[in-house]
Amino acid sequence: MLFVYEFLSLVIAPLFVGLVLELVSHWLEEKDDN
């Protein structure tokens, strides 16, 4: 079970970080437009 948890962490963590960075960059772009 620990192996599965580590595997999910390695896969989901980068995806989550990428999603957050994408949202932040998009929000910053909208903020700059105003």
PDB file of N, CA and C in Angstrom:
ATOM      1  N   MET A   1       0.836  -1.201   0.000  1.00  0.00           N
ATOM      2  CA  MET A   1       0.000   0.000   0.000  1.00  0.00           C
ATOM      3  C   MET A   1       0.871   1.252   0.000  1.00  0.00           C
ATOM      4  N   LEU A   2       1.999   1.191   0.714  1.00  0.00           N
ATOM      5  CA  LEU A   2       2.897   2.346   0.778  1.00  0.00           C
ATOM      6  C   LEU A   2       3.453   2.654  -0.609  1.00  0.00           C
ATOM      7  N   PHE A   3       3.749   1.595  -1.370  1.00  0.00           N
ATOM      8  CA  PHE A   3       4.274   1.794  -2.723  1.00  0.00           C
ATOM      9  C   PHE A   3       3.251   2.520  -3.594  1.00  0.00           C
ATOM     10  N   VAL A   4       1.994   2.112  -3.467  1.00  0.00           N
ATOM     11  CA  VAL A   4       0.925   2.744  -4.247  1.00  0.00           C
ATOM     12  C   VAL A   4       0.796   4.204  -3.862  1.00  0.00           C
ATOM     13  N   TYR A   5       0.908   4.498  -2.573  1.00  0.00           N
ATOM     14  CA  TYR A   5       0.791   5.876  -2.094  1.00  0.00           C
ATOM     15  C   TYR A   5       1.930   6.723  -2.646  1.00  0.00           C
ATOM     16  N   GLU A   6       3.135   6.176  -2.633  1.00  0.00           N
ATOM     17  CA  GLU A   6       4.290   6.917  -3.162  1.00  0.00           C
ATOM     18  C   GLU A   6       4.138   7.130  -4.665  1.00  0.00           C
ATOM     19  N   PHE A   7       3.628   6.113  -5.357  1.00  0.00           N
ATOM     20  CA  PHE A   7       3.431   6.222  -6.809  1.00  0.00           C
ATOM     21  C   PHE A   7       2.422   7.320  -7.121  1.00  0.00           C
ATOM     22  N   LEU A   8       1.306   7.346  -6.395  1.00  0.00           N
ATOM     23  CA  LEU A   8       0.289   8.379  -6.602  1.00  0.00           C
ATOM     24  C   LEU A   8       0.865   9.752  -6.307  1.00  0.00           C
ATOM     25  N   SER A   9       1.688   9.837  -5.271  1.00  0.00           N
ATOM     26  CA  SER A   9       2.288  11.128  -4.908  1.00  0.00           C
ATOM     27  C   SER A   9       3.197  11.619  -6.033  1.00  0.00           C
ATOM     28  N   LEU A  10       3.986  10.705  -6.595  1.00  0.00           N
ATOM     29  CA  LEU A  10       4.914  11.092  -7.665  1.00  0.00           C
ATOM     30  C   LEU A  10       4.164  11.522  -8.923  1.00  0.00           C
ATOM     31  N   VAL A  11       2.995  10.923  -9.156  1.00  0.00           N
ATOM     32  CA  VAL A  11       2.232  11.238 -10.367  1.00  0.00           C
ATOM     33  C   VAL A  11       1.328  12.446 -10.165  1.00  0.00           C
ATOM     34  N   ILE A  12       0.617  12.479  -9.036  1.00  0.00           N
ATOM     35  CA  ILE A  12      -0.364  13.543  -8.801  1.00  0.00           C
ATOM     36  C   ILE A  12       0.299  14.853  -8.410  1.00  0.00           C
ATOM     37  N   ALA A  13       1.368  14.799  -7.634  1.00  0.00           N
ATOM     38  CA  ALA A  13       2.030  16.031  -7.180  1.00  0.00           C
ATOM     39  C   ALA A  13       2.428  16.931  -8.356  1.00  0.00           C
ATOM     40  N   PRO A  14       3.155  16.442  -9.362  1.00  0.00           N
ATOM     41  CA  PRO A  14       3.540  17.298 -10.498  1.00  0.00           C
ATOM     42  C   PRO A  14       2.320  17.812 -11.256  1.00  0.00           C
ATOM     43  N   LEU A  15       1.293  16.976 -11.413  1.00  0.00           N
ATOM     44  CA  LEU A  15       0.088  17.410 -12.117  1.00  0.00           C
ATOM     45  C   LEU A  15      -0.602  18.519 -11.349  1.00  0.00           C
ATOM     46  N   PHE A  16      -0.674  18.367 -10.025  1.00  0.00           N
ATOM     47  CA  PHE A  16      -1.321  19.378  -9.188  1.00  0.00           C
ATOM     48  C   PHE A  16      -0.548  20.686  -9.231  1.00  0.00           C
ATOM     49  N   VAL A  17       0.780  20.579  -9.135  1.00  0.00           N
ATOM     50  CA  VAL A  17       1.623  21.785  -9.186  1.00  0.00           C
ATOM     51  C   VAL A  17       1.470  22.476 -10.539  1.00  0.00           C
ATOM     52  N   GLY A  18       1.464  21.696 -11.609  1.00  0.00           N
ATOM     53  CA  GLY A  18       1.312  22.270 -12.944  1.00  0.00           C
ATOM     54  C   GLY A  18      -0.028  22.965 -13.092  1.00  0.00           C
ATOM     55  N   LEU A  19      -1.082  22.351 -12.535  1.00  0.00           N
ATOM     56  CA  LEU A  19      -2.409  22.957 -12.613  1.00  0.00           C
ATOM     57  C   LEU A  19      -2.445  24.271 -11.852  1.00  0.00           C
ATOM     58  N   VAL A  20      -1.850  24.286 -10.670  1.00  0.00           N
ATOM     59  CA  VAL A  20      -1.821  25.509  -9.855  1.00  0.00           C
ATOM     60  C   VAL A  20      -1.047  26.609 -10.580  1.00  0.00           C
ATOM     61  N   LEU A  21       0.114  26.264 -11.140  1.00  0.00           N
ATOM     62  CA  LEU A  21       0.920  27.260 -11.857  1.00  0.00           C
ATOM     63  C   LEU A  21       0.149  27.809 -13.052  1.00  0.00           C
ATOM     64  N   GLU A  22      -0.595  26.933 -13.726  1.00  0.00           N
ATOM     65  CA  GLU A  22      -1.383  27.354 -14.885  1.00  0.00           C
ATOM     66  C   GLU A  22      -2.463  28.338 -14.464  1.00  0.00           C
ATOM     67  N   LEU A  23      -3.142  28.035 -13.353  1.00  0.00           N
ATOM     68  CA  LEU A  23      -4.192  28.931 -12.856  1.00  0.00           C
ATOM     69  C   LEU A  23      -3.604  30.257 -12.413  1.00  0.00           C
ATOM     70  N   VAL A  24      -2.469  30.215 -11.723  1.00  0.00           N
ATOM     71  CA  VAL A  24      -1.837  31.447 -11.232  1.00  0.00           C
ATOM     72  C   VAL A  24      -1.394  32.321 -12.400  1.00  0.00           C
ATOM     73  N   SER A  25      -0.761  31.720 -13.398  1.00  0.00           N
ATOM     74  CA  SER A  25      -0.291  32.494 -14.551  1.00  0.00           C
ATOM     75  C   SER A  25      -1.478  33.107 -15.286  1.00  0.00           C
ATOM     76  N   HIS A  26      -2.568  32.352 -15.409  1.00  0.00           N
ATOM     77  CA  HIS A  26      -3.766  32.863 -16.075  1.00  0.00           C
ATOM     78  C   HIS A  26      -4.355  34.015 -15.277  1.00  0.00           C
ATOM     79  N   TRP A  27      -4.379  33.875 -13.957  1.00  0.00           N
ATOM     80  CA  TRP A  27      -4.923  34.933 -13.097  1.00  0.00           C
ATOM     81  C   TRP A  27      -4.067  36.191 -13.190  1.00  0.00           C
ATOM     82  N   LEU A  28      -2.743  36.005 -13.235  1.00  0.00           N
ATOM     83  CA  LEU A  28      -1.851  37.161 -13.336  1.00  0.00           C
ATOM     84  C   LEU A  28      -2.048  37.886 -14.667  1.00  0.00           C
ATOM     85  N   GLU A  29      -2.276  37.122 -15.734  1.00  0.00           N
ATOM     86  CA  GLU A  29      -2.486  37.738 -17.043  1.00  0.00           C
ATOM     87  C   GLU A  29      -3.762  38.570 -17.042  1.00  0.00           C
ATOM     88  N   GLU A  30      -4.831  38.040 -16.446  1.00  0.00           N
ATOM     89  CA  GLU A  30      -6.084  38.790 -16.375  1.00  0.00           C
ATOM     90  C   GLU A  30      -5.901  40.031 -15.520  1.00  0.00           C
ATOM     91  N   LYS A  31      -5.123  39.893 -14.442  1.00  0.00           N
ATOM     92  CA  LYS A  31      -4.897  41.024 -13.544  1.00  0.00           C
ATOM     93  C   LYS A  31      -4.128  42.125 -14.276  1.00  0.00           C
ATOM     94  N   ASP A  32      -3.177  41.738 -15.114  1.00  0.00           N
ATOM     95  CA  ASP A  32      -2.384  42.734 -15.844  1.00  0.00           C
ATOM     96  C   ASP A  32      -3.242  43.466 -16.875  1.00  0.00           C
ATOM     97  N   ASP A  33      -4.211  42.769 -17.454  1.00  0.00           N
ATOM     98  CA  ASP A  33      -5.062  43.387 -18.475  1.00  0.00           C
ATOM     99  C   ASP A  33      -5.901  44.514 -17.889  1.00  0.00           C
ATOM    100  N   ASN A  34      -6.337  44.355 -16.674  1.00  0.00           N
ATOM    101  CA  ASN A  34      -7.205  45.381 -16.071  1.00  0.00           C
ATOM    102  C   ASN A  34      -6.390  46.599 -15.697  1.00  0.00           C
TER     103      ASN A  34
END
